[in-house]
Amino acid sequence: MSNYRRSNLDGGTYFFTVVTYQRRKILCDENVRSALRNAIQKTRLSYPFDIDAWVLLPDHLHCMWTLPADDSDFSKRWAMIKRSVTKQCATGYHRDELMNQSKLKRKESTIWQRRFWEHQIHNEQDYQQHFDYIHYNPVKHAYVPTVKDWSHSSFHRHVQGGIYSADWGGVIEDIDEDEFGEP
């Protein structure tokens, strides 16, 4: 069995990449978006966290969270969110034909990849690079020509808050995609 090392800084800020199983393009479907929104709200009631940035693409999402000062358990939060979305969307999104022995043994569904990728934010520059990367991602993947054209993003909230201008393009140069957990 693999032994994954996870960062565990209480009150830390983390960048995440979470991917659908077999890169199924389902995350922007209204039912899944609604289930994800509900799962996050429910999870935050018991295990609070701040969402600094978020982008939802058809087959993966990127986000940045800051945890409470006395807590570092982002894995529990992701497990709760993924489990809740799986239960809410089971009828329309579970695919028996995609099940394998490993998924059956672990009682998994066919909505999410088993794991996620995380990176602990180390300083202000690291924060800003990941923050911009998240918001520019729909352009990077050629879903839209400009950042403002993608509706499933916290970019619009940050424009209203004065962090970004509405025409921000965020040209990201010389980024090692693996650094950002891009599958």
C-alpha atoms as a PDB file:
ATOM      1  CA  MET A   1       0.000   0.000   0.000  1.00  0.00           C
ATOM      2  CA  SER A   2       1.266   3.463  -0.827  1.00  0.00           C
ATOM      3  CA  ASN A   3       2.205   5.803   1.980  1.00  0.00           C
ATOM      4  CA  TYR A   4       1.540   9.352   0.796  1.00  0.00           C
ATOM      5  CA  ARG A   5       3.140  12.232   2.599  1.00  0.00           C
ATOM      6  CA  ARG A   6       0.788  15.109   3.064  1.00  0.00           C
ATOM      7  CA  SER A   7       1.569  18.533   4.373  1.00  0.00           C
ATOM      8  CA  ASN A   8      -0.004  19.199   7.757  1.00  0.00           C
ATOM      9  CA  LEU A   9       0.476  22.825   8.732  1.00  0.00           C
ATOM     10  CA  ASP A  10      -2.322  24.017  11.013  1.00  0.00           C
ATOM     11  CA  GLY A  11      -3.936  27.102   9.493  1.00  0.00           C
ATOM     12  CA  GLY A  12      -2.094  26.567   6.227  1.00  0.00           C
ATOM     13  CA  THR A  13      -3.153  27.629   2.762  1.00  0.00           C
ATOM     14  CA  TYR A  14      -3.241  24.871   0.157  1.00  0.00           C
ATOM     15  CA  PHE A  15      -3.687  24.574  -3.603  1.00  0.00           C
ATOM     16  CA  PHE A  16      -5.612  21.503  -4.803  1.00  0.00           C
ATOM     17  CA  THR A  17      -6.304  19.693  -8.050  1.00  0.00           C
ATOM     18  CA  VAL A  18      -9.188  17.202  -8.006  1.00  0.00           C
ATOM     19  CA  VAL A  19     -10.001  15.173 -11.121  1.00  0.00           C
ATOM     20  CA  THR A  20     -12.986  13.113 -12.247  1.00  0.00           C
ATOM     21  CA  TYR A  21     -12.609   9.390 -12.785  1.00  0.00           C
ATOM     22  CA  GLN A  22     -11.281   8.702 -16.293  1.00  0.00           C
ATOM     23  CA  ARG A  23     -11.484  12.466 -16.914  1.00  0.00           C
ATOM     24  CA  ARG A  24     -15.238  12.333 -17.458  1.00  0.00           C
ATOM     25  CA  LYS A  25     -16.511  15.785 -18.433  1.00  0.00           C
ATOM     26  CA  ILE A  26     -19.265  16.086 -15.838  1.00  0.00           C
ATOM     27  CA  LEU A  27     -18.252  18.739 -13.303  1.00  0.00           C
ATOM     28  CA  CYS A  28     -19.904  21.671 -15.084  1.00  0.00           C
ATOM     29  CA  ASP A  29     -23.258  19.881 -15.333  1.00  0.00           C
ATOM     30  CA  GLU A  30     -25.847  21.730 -13.262  1.00  0.00           C
ATOM     31  CA  ASN A  31     -26.621  18.644 -11.116  1.00  0.00           C
ATOM     32  CA  VAL A  32     -22.965  18.104 -10.229  1.00  0.00           C
ATOM     33  CA  ARG A  33     -22.319  21.813  -9.609  1.00  0.00           C
ATOM     34  CA  SER A  34     -25.298  21.947  -7.287  1.00  0.00           C
ATOM     35  CA  ALA A  35     -24.195  18.796  -5.446  1.00  0.00           C
ATOM     36  CA  LEU A  36     -20.680  20.178  -5.123  1.00  0.00           C
ATOM     37  CA  ARG A  37     -21.958  23.492  -3.776  1.00  0.00           C
ATOM     38  CA  ASN A  38     -24.173  21.660  -1.235  1.00  0.00           C
ATOM     39  CA  ALA A  39     -21.339  19.338  -0.214  1.00  0.00           C
ATOM     40  CA  ILE A  40     -18.981  22.242   0.396  1.00  0.00           C
ATOM     41  CA  GLN A  41     -21.560  24.150   2.442  1.00  0.00           C
ATOM     42  CA  LYS A  42     -22.356  21.078   4.530  1.00  0.00           C
ATOM     43  CA  THR A  43     -18.680  20.228   5.082  1.00  0.00           C
ATOM     44  CA  ARG A  44     -17.836  23.805   6.099  1.00  0.00           C
ATOM     45  CA  LEU A  45     -20.462  23.641   8.874  1.00  0.00           C
ATOM     46  CA  SER A  46     -18.502  20.908  10.673  1.00  0.00           C
ATOM     47  CA  TYR A  47     -15.026  21.565   9.300  1.00  0.00           C
ATOM     48  CA  PRO A  48     -14.679  25.221   8.305  1.00  0.00           C
ATOM     49  CA  PHE A  49     -12.243  26.543   5.722  1.00  0.00           C
ATOM     50  CA  ASP A  50     -11.956  29.643   3.569  1.00  0.00           C
ATOM     51  CA  ILE A  51     -12.048  29.344  -0.202  1.00  0.00           C
ATOM     52  CA  ASP A  52      -9.455  31.787  -1.535  1.00  0.00           C
ATOM     53  CA  ALA A  53      -9.842  30.830  -5.204  1.00  0.00           C
ATOM     54  CA  TRP A  54     -11.751  28.278  -7.252  1.00  0.00           C
ATOM     55  CA  VAL A  55     -12.222  27.167 -10.836  1.00  0.00           C
ATOM     56  CA  LEU A  56     -14.423  24.337 -12.011  1.00  0.00           C
ATOM     57  CA  LEU A  57     -13.683  22.788 -15.406  1.00  0.00           C
ATOM     58  CA  PRO A  58     -15.495  19.870 -17.055  1.00  0.00           C
ATOM     59  CA  ASP A  59     -13.109  17.151 -15.844  1.00  0.00           C
ATOM     60  CA  HIS A  60     -11.152  18.738 -12.980  1.00  0.00           C
ATOM     61  CA  LEU A  61     -11.087  21.588 -10.537  1.00  0.00           C
ATOM     62  CA  HIS A  62      -8.415  23.735  -8.941  1.00  0.00           C
ATOM     63  CA  CYS A  63      -8.868  25.616  -5.711  1.00  0.00           C
ATOM     64  CA  MET A  64      -7.026  27.224  -2.870  1.00  0.00           C
ATOM     65  CA  TRP A  65      -8.179  26.913   0.734  1.00  0.00           C
ATOM     66  CA  THR A  66      -7.029  28.377   4.021  1.00  0.00           C
ATOM     67  CA  LEU A  67      -7.737  26.206   7.048  1.00  0.00           C
ATOM     68  CA  PRO A  68      -8.455  27.356  10.607  1.00  0.00           C
ATOM     69  CA  ALA A  69      -5.442  28.153  12.809  1.00  0.00           C
ATOM     70  CA  ASP A  70      -5.775  24.907  14.789  1.00  0.00           C
ATOM     71  CA  ASP A  71      -6.500  22.530  11.897  1.00  0.00           C
ATOM     72  CA  SER A  72      -4.646  20.905   9.008  1.00  0.00           C
ATOM     73  CA  ASP A  73      -7.028  18.110   7.978  1.00  0.00           C
ATOM     74  CA  PHE A  74      -7.903  18.971   4.394  1.00  0.00           C
ATOM     75  CA  SER A  75      -8.067  15.249   3.523  1.00  0.00           C
ATOM     76  CA  LYS A  76     -11.102  14.761   5.758  1.00  0.00           C
ATOM     77  CA  ARG A  77     -12.795  17.731   4.099  1.00  0.00           C
ATOM     78  CA  TRP A  78     -12.150  16.377   0.595  1.00  0.00           C
ATOM     79  CA  ALA A  79     -13.375  12.922   1.612  1.00  0.00           C
ATOM     80  CA  MET A  80     -16.607  14.432   2.925  1.00  0.00           C
ATOM     81  CA  ILE A  81     -17.116  16.595  -0.162  1.00  0.00           C
ATOM     82  CA  LYS A  82     -16.418  13.813  -2.632  1.00  0.00           C
ATOM     83  CA  ARG A  83     -18.589  11.328  -0.719  1.00  0.00           C
ATOM     84  CA  SER A  84     -21.480  13.773  -0.564  1.00  0.00           C
ATOM     85  CA  VAL A  85     -21.300  14.603  -4.280  1.00  0.00           C
ATOM     86  CA  THR A  86     -21.120  10.892  -5.082  1.00  0.00           C
ATOM     87  CA  LYS A  87     -24.255  10.176  -3.042  1.00  0.00           C
ATOM     88  CA  GLN A  88     -26.177  13.137  -4.470  1.00  0.00           C
ATOM     89  CA  CYS A  89     -25.246  12.263  -8.068  1.00  0.00           C
ATOM     90  CA  ALA A  90     -25.225   8.474  -7.916  1.00  0.00           C
ATOM     91  CA  THR A  91     -28.366   7.973  -9.974  1.00  0.00           C
ATOM     92  CA  GLY A  92     -27.252  10.009 -12.970  1.00  0.00           C
ATOM     93  CA  TYR A  93     -23.464   9.654 -12.911  1.00  0.00           C
ATOM     94  CA  HIS A  94     -22.448   6.261 -11.536  1.00  0.00           C
ATOM     95  CA  ARG A  95     -21.387   3.884 -14.332  1.00  0.00           C
ATOM     96  CA  ASP A  96     -21.300   0.159 -13.557  1.00  0.00           C
ATOM     97  CA  GLU A  97     -19.264  -0.484 -16.708  1.00  0.00           C
ATOM     98  CA  LEU A  98     -16.423   1.652 -15.296  1.00  0.00           C
ATOM     99  CA  MET A  99     -16.197  -0.286 -12.035  1.00  0.00           C
ATOM    100  CA  ASN A 100     -13.161  -2.489 -11.462  1.00  0.00           C
ATOM    101  CA  GLN A 101     -12.037  -4.775  -8.626  1.00  0.00           C
ATOM    102  CA  SER A 102     -10.197  -1.977  -6.836  1.00  0.00           C
ATOM    103  CA  LYS A 103     -13.216   0.327  -6.919  1.00  0.00           C
ATOM    104  CA  LEU A 104     -15.501  -2.468  -5.740  1.00  0.00           C
ATOM    105  CA  LYS A 105     -13.153  -3.394  -2.897  1.00  0.00           C
ATOM    106  CA  ARG A 106     -12.977   0.222  -1.698  1.00  0.00           C
ATOM    107  CA  LYS A 107     -16.693   0.858  -2.302  1.00  0.00           C
ATOM    108  CA  GLU A 108     -15.877   3.740  -4.625  1.00  0.00           C
ATOM    109  CA  SER A 109     -17.948   5.262  -7.360  1.00  0.00           C
ATOM    110  CA  THR A 110     -17.092   6.376 -10.871  1.00  0.00           C
ATOM    111  CA  ILE A 111     -17.293  10.129 -10.332  1.00  0.00           C
ATOM    112  CA  TRP A 112     -13.879  10.939  -8.779  1.00  0.00           C
ATOM    113  CA  GLN A 113     -10.310   9.815  -9.087  1.00  0.00           C
ATOM    114  CA  ARG A 114      -9.305   8.275  -5.783  1.00  0.00           C
ATOM    115  CA  ARG A 115      -6.729  10.845  -4.770  1.00  0.00           C
ATOM    116  CA  PHE A 116      -6.135  14.546  -5.204  1.00  0.00           C
ATOM    117  CA  TRP A 117      -3.053  16.680  -5.576  1.00  0.00           C
ATOM    118  CA  GLU A 118      -2.163  19.287  -2.969  1.00  0.00           C
ATOM    119  CA  HIS A 119       0.528  21.888  -2.563  1.00  0.00           C
ATOM    120  CA  GLN A 120       1.111  23.916   0.574  1.00  0.00           C
ATOM    121  CA  ILE A 121       1.440  27.627  -0.216  1.00  0.00           C
ATOM    122  CA  HIS A 122       4.773  28.859   1.134  1.00  0.00           C
ATOM    123  CA  ASN A 123       4.791  32.633   0.673  1.00  0.00           C
ATOM    124  CA  GLU A 124       3.047  35.567  -0.974  1.00  0.00           C
ATOM    125  CA  GLN A 125       4.644  34.962  -4.390  1.00  0.00           C
ATOM    126  CA  ASP A 126       3.601  31.296  -4.302  1.00  0.00           C
ATOM    127  CA  TYR A 127       0.092  32.387  -3.311  1.00  0.00           C
ATOM    128  CA  GLN A 128      -0.168  34.890  -6.168  1.00  0.00           C
ATOM    129  CA  GLN A 129       1.145  32.434  -8.774  1.00  0.00           C
ATOM    130  CA  HIS A 130      -1.376  29.781  -7.785  1.00  0.00           C
ATOM    131  CA  PHE A 131      -4.168  32.331  -7.438  1.00  0.00           C
ATOM    132  CA  ASP A 132      -3.559  33.564 -11.002  1.00  0.00           C
ATOM    133  CA  TYR A 133      -3.061  30.022 -12.322  1.00  0.00           C
ATOM    134  CA  ILE A 134      -6.465  28.969 -10.992  1.00  0.00           C
ATOM    135  CA  HIS A 135      -8.264  31.849 -12.671  1.00  0.00           C
ATOM    136  CA  TYR A 136      -6.389  31.574 -15.965  1.00  0.00           C
ATOM    137  CA  ASN A 137      -6.932  27.806 -16.268  1.00  0.00           C
ATOM    138  CA  PRO A 138     -10.059  27.904 -18.508  1.00  0.00           C
ATOM    139  CA  VAL A 139      -8.082  29.968 -21.041  1.00  0.00           C
ATOM    140  CA  LYS A 140      -5.091  27.620 -20.759  1.00  0.00           C
ATOM    141  CA  HIS A 141      -7.366  24.705 -21.660  1.00  0.00           C
ATOM    142  CA  ALA A 142      -8.967  26.697 -24.508  1.00  0.00           C
ATOM    143  CA  TYR A 143     -12.477  26.611 -23.067  1.00  0.00           C
ATOM    144  CA  VAL A 144     -12.773  30.388 -23.448  1.00  0.00           C
ATOM    145  CA  PRO A 145     -10.722  33.167 -25.073  1.00  0.00           C
ATOM    146  CA  THR A 146     -10.602  35.342 -21.934  1.00  0.00           C
ATOM    147  CA  VAL A 147     -10.773  34.705 -18.189  1.00  0.00           C
ATOM    148  CA  LYS A 148     -13.958  36.756 -17.780  1.00  0.00           C
ATOM    149  CA  ASP A 149     -15.797  34.450 -20.198  1.00  0.00           C
ATOM    150  CA  TRP A 150     -15.676  31.451 -17.828  1.00  0.00           C
ATOM    151  CA  SER A 151     -18.535  31.510 -15.342  1.00  0.00           C
ATOM    152  CA  HIS A 152     -17.437  28.630 -13.057  1.00  0.00           C
ATOM    153  CA  SER A 153     -14.713  30.563 -11.285  1.00  0.00           C
ATOM    154  CA  SER A 154     -14.102  32.806  -8.307  1.00  0.00           C
ATOM    155  CA  PHE A 155     -12.605  35.321 -10.751  1.00  0.00           C
ATOM    156  CA  HIS A 156     -15.867  37.265 -10.910  1.00  0.00           C
ATOM    157  CA  ARG A 157     -16.026  37.569  -7.112  1.00  0.00           C
ATOM    158  CA  HIS A 158     -12.453  38.878  -7.117  1.00  0.00           C
ATOM    159  CA  VAL A 159     -13.306  41.445  -9.819  1.00  0.00           C
ATOM    160  CA  GLN A 160     -16.146  42.700  -7.599  1.00  0.00           C
ATOM    161  CA  GLY A 161     -13.738  42.807  -4.666  1.00  0.00           C
ATOM    162  CA  GLY A 162     -11.204  44.860  -6.629  1.00  0.00           C
ATOM    163  CA  ILE A 163      -8.480  42.208  -6.737  1.00  0.00           C
ATOM    164  CA  TYR A 164      -8.669  41.793 -10.515  1.00  0.00           C
ATOM    165  CA  SER A 165      -9.752  44.150 -13.252  1.00  0.00           C
ATOM    166  CA  ALA A 166     -12.548  42.786 -15.439  1.00  0.00           C
ATOM    167  CA  ASP A 167     -10.203  42.547 -18.428  1.00  0.00           C
ATOM    168  CA  TRP A 168      -7.405  40.735 -16.571  1.00  0.00           C
ATOM    169  CA  GLY A 169      -5.834  38.137 -18.839  1.00  0.00           C
ATOM    170  CA  GLY A 170      -3.196  36.750 -16.527  1.00  0.00           C
ATOM    171  CA  VAL A 171      -0.688  35.599 -19.101  1.00  0.00           C
ATOM    172  CA  ILE A 172       1.232  32.921 -17.282  1.00  0.00           C
ATOM    173  CA  GLU A 173       4.665  32.240 -18.701  1.00  0.00           C
ATOM    174  CA  ASP A 174       7.255  29.590 -17.934  1.00  0.00           C
ATOM    175  CA  ILE A 175       5.086  27.546 -15.591  1.00  0.00           C
ATOM    176  CA  ASP A 176       5.972  23.943 -14.973  1.00  0.00           C
ATOM    177  CA  GLU A 177       2.553  22.297 -15.264  1.00  0.00           C
ATOM    178  CA  ASP A 178       3.507  19.508 -12.861  1.00  0.00           C
ATOM    179  CA  GLU A 179       4.193  22.155 -10.217  1.00  0.00           C
ATOM    180  CA  PHE A 180       0.502  23.014 -10.282  1.00  0.00           C
ATOM    181  CA  GLY A 181      -0.776  19.452 -10.236  1.00  0.00           C
ATOM    182  CA  GLU A 182      -2.142  19.688 -13.739  1.00  0.00           C
ATOM    183  CA  PRO A 183      -2.922  16.165 -14.889  1.00  0.00           C
END
